[in-house]
Amino acid sequence: MQMKPPKSLLRHVGRAIHDFDMIRAGDRILLGVSGGKDSLSLLHILQHLRRHAPVSFELGVITVDPEVEETVRREMHRHFRPE
């Protein structure tokens, strides 16, 4: 079971996406994930928004560092399951 990102963080990200028109209906987003806290947090937030936002968009993930430890790779796969 995934944890929901904190409301305060979702509010700030949602506001920035809206204010700067970052995501539009039908967009296909490819997120580069290093395994660090910032990129994994953004992955959690975008997954949540993909399920709950009024705008429909696709989300893909790619590892940007080929030397990511196996434990981090498993963590990324645990959080991202294509539907």
C-alpha atoms as a PDB file:
ATOM      1  CA  MET A   1       0.000   0.000   0.000  1.00  0.00           C
ATOM      2  CA  GLN A   2       1.406   3.361  -1.025  1.00  0.00           C
ATOM      3  CA  MET A   3       1.413   6.279   1.338  1.00  0.00           C
ATOM      4  CA  LYS A   4      -0.271   9.451   0.166  1.00  0.00           C
ATOM      5  CA  PRO A   5       2.154  12.370  -0.220  1.00  0.00           C
ATOM      6  CA  PRO A   6       1.700  15.122   2.406  1.00  0.00           C
ATOM      7  CA  LYS A   7      -1.135  17.541   1.598  1.00  0.00           C
ATOM      8  CA  SER A   8       1.129  20.576   1.923  1.00  0.00           C
ATOM      9  CA  LEU A   9       3.518  19.159  -0.673  1.00  0.00           C
ATOM     10  CA  LEU A  10       0.687  18.154  -3.020  1.00  0.00           C
ATOM     11  CA  ARG A  11      -0.775  21.658  -2.709  1.00  0.00           C
ATOM     12  CA  HIS A  12       2.529  23.355  -3.632  1.00  0.00           C
ATOM     13  CA  VAL A  13       3.221  21.020  -6.549  1.00  0.00           C
ATOM     14  CA  GLY A  14      -0.367  21.231  -7.793  1.00  0.00           C
ATOM     15  CA  ARG A  15      -0.242  25.033  -7.655  1.00  0.00           C
ATOM     16  CA  ALA A  16       3.062  25.159  -9.578  1.00  0.00           C
ATOM     17  CA  ILE A  17       1.746  22.754 -12.236  1.00  0.00           C
ATOM     18  CA  HIS A  18      -1.353  24.916 -12.643  1.00  0.00           C
ATOM     19  CA  ASP A  19       0.376  28.312 -12.509  1.00  0.00           C
ATOM     20  CA  PHE A  20       3.042  27.370 -15.059  1.00  0.00           C
ATOM     21  CA  ASP A  21       0.790  25.151 -17.203  1.00  0.00           C
ATOM     22  CA  MET A  22       3.242  22.260 -16.805  1.00  0.00           C
ATOM     23  CA  ILE A  23       0.903  19.328 -17.513  1.00  0.00           C
ATOM     24  CA  ARG A  24      -1.893  19.263 -20.067  1.00  0.00           C
ATOM     25  CA  ALA A  25      -4.468  16.599 -20.897  1.00  0.00           C
ATOM     26  CA  GLY A  26      -2.878  13.777 -22.867  1.00  0.00           C
ATOM     27  CA  ASP A  27       0.719  14.649 -21.953  1.00  0.00           C
ATOM     28  CA  ARG A  28       3.234  11.825 -21.740  1.00  0.00           C
ATOM     29  CA  ILE A  29       5.786  12.460 -18.996  1.00  0.00           C
ATOM     30  CA  LEU A  30       9.050  10.566 -18.648  1.00  0.00           C
ATOM     31  CA  LEU A  31      10.571  11.099 -15.210  1.00  0.00           C
ATOM     32  CA  GLY A  32      14.290  10.535 -14.727  1.00  0.00           C
ATOM     33  CA  VAL A  33      14.768   8.924 -11.310  1.00  0.00           C
ATOM     34  CA  SER A  34      18.137   8.708  -9.599  1.00  0.00           C
ATOM     35  CA  GLY A  35      16.902   6.938  -6.491  1.00  0.00           C
ATOM     36  CA  GLY A  36      17.390   9.982  -4.268  1.00  0.00           C
ATOM     37  CA  LYS A  37      14.761  11.468  -1.995  1.00  0.00           C
ATOM     38  CA  ASP A  38      13.875  14.295  -4.368  1.00  0.00           C
ATOM     39  CA  SER A  39      13.247  12.197  -7.478  1.00  0.00           C
ATOM     40  CA  LEU A  40      11.405   9.456  -5.558  1.00  0.00           C
ATOM     41  CA  SER A  41       9.245  12.129  -3.874  1.00  0.00           C
ATOM     42  CA  LEU A  42       8.390  13.613  -7.258  1.00  0.00           C
ATOM     43  CA  LEU A  43       7.535  10.114  -8.515  1.00  0.00           C
ATOM     44  CA  HIS A  44       5.119   9.614  -5.592  1.00  0.00           C
ATOM     45  CA  ILE A  45       3.516  13.005  -6.203  1.00  0.00           C
ATOM     46  CA  LEU A  46       3.092  12.523  -9.953  1.00  0.00           C
ATOM     47  CA  GLN A  47       1.632   9.040  -9.432  1.00  0.00           C
ATOM     48  CA  HIS A  48      -0.876  10.465  -6.977  1.00  0.00           C
ATOM     49  CA  LEU A  49      -1.788  13.310  -9.337  1.00  0.00           C
ATOM     50  CA  ARG A  50      -2.123  10.912 -12.271  1.00  0.00           C
ATOM     51  CA  ARG A  51      -4.794   9.019 -10.323  1.00  0.00           C
ATOM     52  CA  HIS A  52      -6.602  11.997  -8.765  1.00  0.00           C
ATOM     53  CA  ALA A  53      -6.040  15.126 -10.881  1.00  0.00           C
ATOM     54  CA  PRO A  54      -8.725  16.292 -13.321  1.00  0.00           C
ATOM     55  CA  VAL A  55      -6.124  16.206 -16.117  1.00  0.00           C
ATOM     56  CA  SER A  56      -5.305  12.824 -17.633  1.00  0.00           C
ATOM     57  CA  PHE A  57      -1.630  12.165 -18.407  1.00  0.00           C
ATOM     58  CA  GLU A  58       0.731   9.212 -18.808  1.00  0.00           C
ATOM     59  CA  LEU A  59       3.761   8.704 -16.583  1.00  0.00           C
ATOM     60  CA  GLY A  60       6.884   6.705 -17.326  1.00  0.00           C
ATOM     61  CA  VAL A  61      10.058   6.336 -15.284  1.00  0.00           C
ATOM     62  CA  ILE A  62      13.661   5.852 -16.334  1.00  0.00           C
ATOM     63  CA  THR A  63      16.743   5.354 -14.183  1.00  0.00           C
ATOM     64  CA  VAL A  64      19.293   8.072 -14.922  1.00  0.00           C
ATOM     65  CA  ASP A  65      22.219   6.458 -13.103  1.00  0.00           C
ATOM     66  CA  PRO A  66      23.126   2.992 -14.413  1.00  0.00           C
ATOM     67  CA  GLU A  67      24.924   2.194 -11.152  1.00  0.00           C
ATOM     68  CA  VAL A  68      21.817   2.408  -8.970  1.00  0.00           C
ATOM     69  CA  GLU A  69      21.939  -0.167  -6.197  1.00  0.00           C
ATOM     70  CA  GLU A  70      19.580  -3.101  -6.556  1.00  0.00           C
ATOM     71  CA  THR A  71      17.702  -2.111  -3.384  1.00  0.00           C
ATOM     72  CA  VAL A  72      16.922   1.306  -4.875  1.00  0.00           C
ATOM     73  CA  ARG A  73      15.889  -0.269  -8.178  1.00  0.00           C
ATOM     74  CA  ARG A  74      13.481  -2.586  -6.324  1.00  0.00           C
ATOM     75  CA  GLU A  75      12.083   0.419  -4.430  1.00  0.00           C
ATOM     76  CA  MET A  76      11.423   2.231  -7.718  1.00  0.00           C
ATOM     77  CA  HIS A  77       9.689  -0.830  -9.177  1.00  0.00           C
ATOM     78  CA  ARG A  78       7.602  -1.157  -6.035  1.00  0.00           C
ATOM     79  CA  HIS A  79       6.283   2.385  -6.518  1.00  0.00           C
ATOM     80  CA  PHE A  80       5.836   2.314 -10.278  1.00  0.00           C
ATOM     81  CA  ARG A  81       3.728  -0.393 -11.840  1.00  0.00           C
ATOM     82  CA  PRO A  82       2.467   0.368 -15.356  1.00  0.00           C
ATOM     83  CA  GLU A  83      -1.289  -0.038 -15.619  1.00  0.00           C
END
